[in-house]
């Protein structure tokens, strides 16, 4: 699974990091979301929820979720 955050679009609201902290983190320097462990999507099962709840659609999740 491939997960990315468009840092130009991200507003740093933190929803993704709250929903899926194993994968997303708000960078203290930029105030934007970063993917800290894209492989965690395979076992955490929360990447799609983070993508769906991003208010500015800055998150893209591609690939097989294994479901």
Protein backbone atom coordinates (compact mmCIF):
# COMPACT_ATOMS: atom_id res chain seq x y z
CA UNK A 1 0.00 0.00 0.00
CA UNK A 2 1.25 3.47 -0.84
CA UNK A 3 0.19 6.44 1.29
CA UNK A 4 1.20 10.05 0.68
CA UNK A 5 0.42 13.48 2.06
CA UNK A 6 0.40 16.49 -0.25
CA UNK A 7 2.20 18.96 2.01
CA UNK A 8 1.14 21.91 -0.16
CA UNK A 9 -2.51 21.04 0.45
CA UNK A 10 -2.22 19.89 4.08
CA UNK A 11 -3.46 22.40 6.68
CA UNK A 12 -2.05 20.49 9.65
CA UNK A 13 -5.40 19.93 11.36
CA UNK A 14 -4.12 16.70 12.91
CA UNK A 15 -7.12 14.52 12.08
CA UNK A 16 -4.95 11.92 10.35
CA UNK A 17 -2.53 11.69 13.27
CA UNK A 18 -5.43 11.24 15.70
CA UNK A 19 -7.08 8.57 13.54
CA UNK A 20 -3.92 6.73 12.51
CA UNK A 21 -0.94 7.63 14.73
CA UNK A 22 1.06 4.60 13.59
CA UNK A 23 1.27 6.14 10.11
CA UNK A 24 0.85 9.93 10.41
CA UNK A 25 2.57 12.58 12.52
CA UNK A 26 2.31 16.37 12.54
CA UNK A 27 5.79 17.73 11.96
CA UNK A 28 6.65 20.32 14.60
CA UNK A 29 8.74 22.42 12.20
CA UNK A 30 6.31 22.61 9.28
CA UNK A 31 3.01 22.07 11.10
CA UNK A 32 2.07 19.66 8.31
CA UNK A 33 1.30 15.96 8.33
CA UNK A 34 4.02 13.49 7.44
CA UNK A 35 3.90 9.77 6.77
CA UNK A 36 6.15 8.22 9.38
CA UNK A 37 5.58 4.54 8.54
CA UNK A 38 3.78 3.74 5.28
CA UNK A 39 4.16 0.01 5.94
CA UNK A 40 2.00 0.40 9.05
CA UNK A 41 -1.05 0.78 6.79
CA UNK A 42 -0.93 -2.96 6.23
CA UNK A 43 -1.51 -3.79 9.90
CA UNK A 44 -2.99 -0.61 11.40
CA UNK A 45 -6.03 -0.60 9.11
CA UNK A 46 -6.67 3.10 9.56
CA UNK A 47 -5.13 4.74 6.48
CA UNK A 48 -8.39 4.78 4.54
CA UNK A 49 -10.20 6.39 7.48
CA UNK A 50 -7.51 9.07 7.69
CA UNK A 51 -7.84 9.69 3.94
CA UNK A 52 -11.65 9.94 4.17
CA UNK A 53 -11.51 12.33 7.14
CA UNK A 54 -8.91 14.73 5.76
CA UNK A 55 -10.84 18.00 5.34
CA UNK A 56 -8.69 19.16 2.42
CA UNK A 57 -8.16 15.76 0.74
CA UNK A 58 -4.38 15.95 1.15
CA UNK A 59 -3.99 12.20 1.79
CA UNK A 60 -3.84 9.61 -0.96
CA UNK A 61 -3.95 5.89 -0.25
CA UNK A 62 -3.28 3.54 -3.17
CA UNK A 63 -2.99 -0.20 -3.33
CA UNK A 64 -4.55 -3.30 -1.88
CA UNK A 65 -5.74 -2.95 1.71
CA UNK A 66 -5.85 -6.72 2.03
CA UNK A 67 -9.62 -6.78 2.55
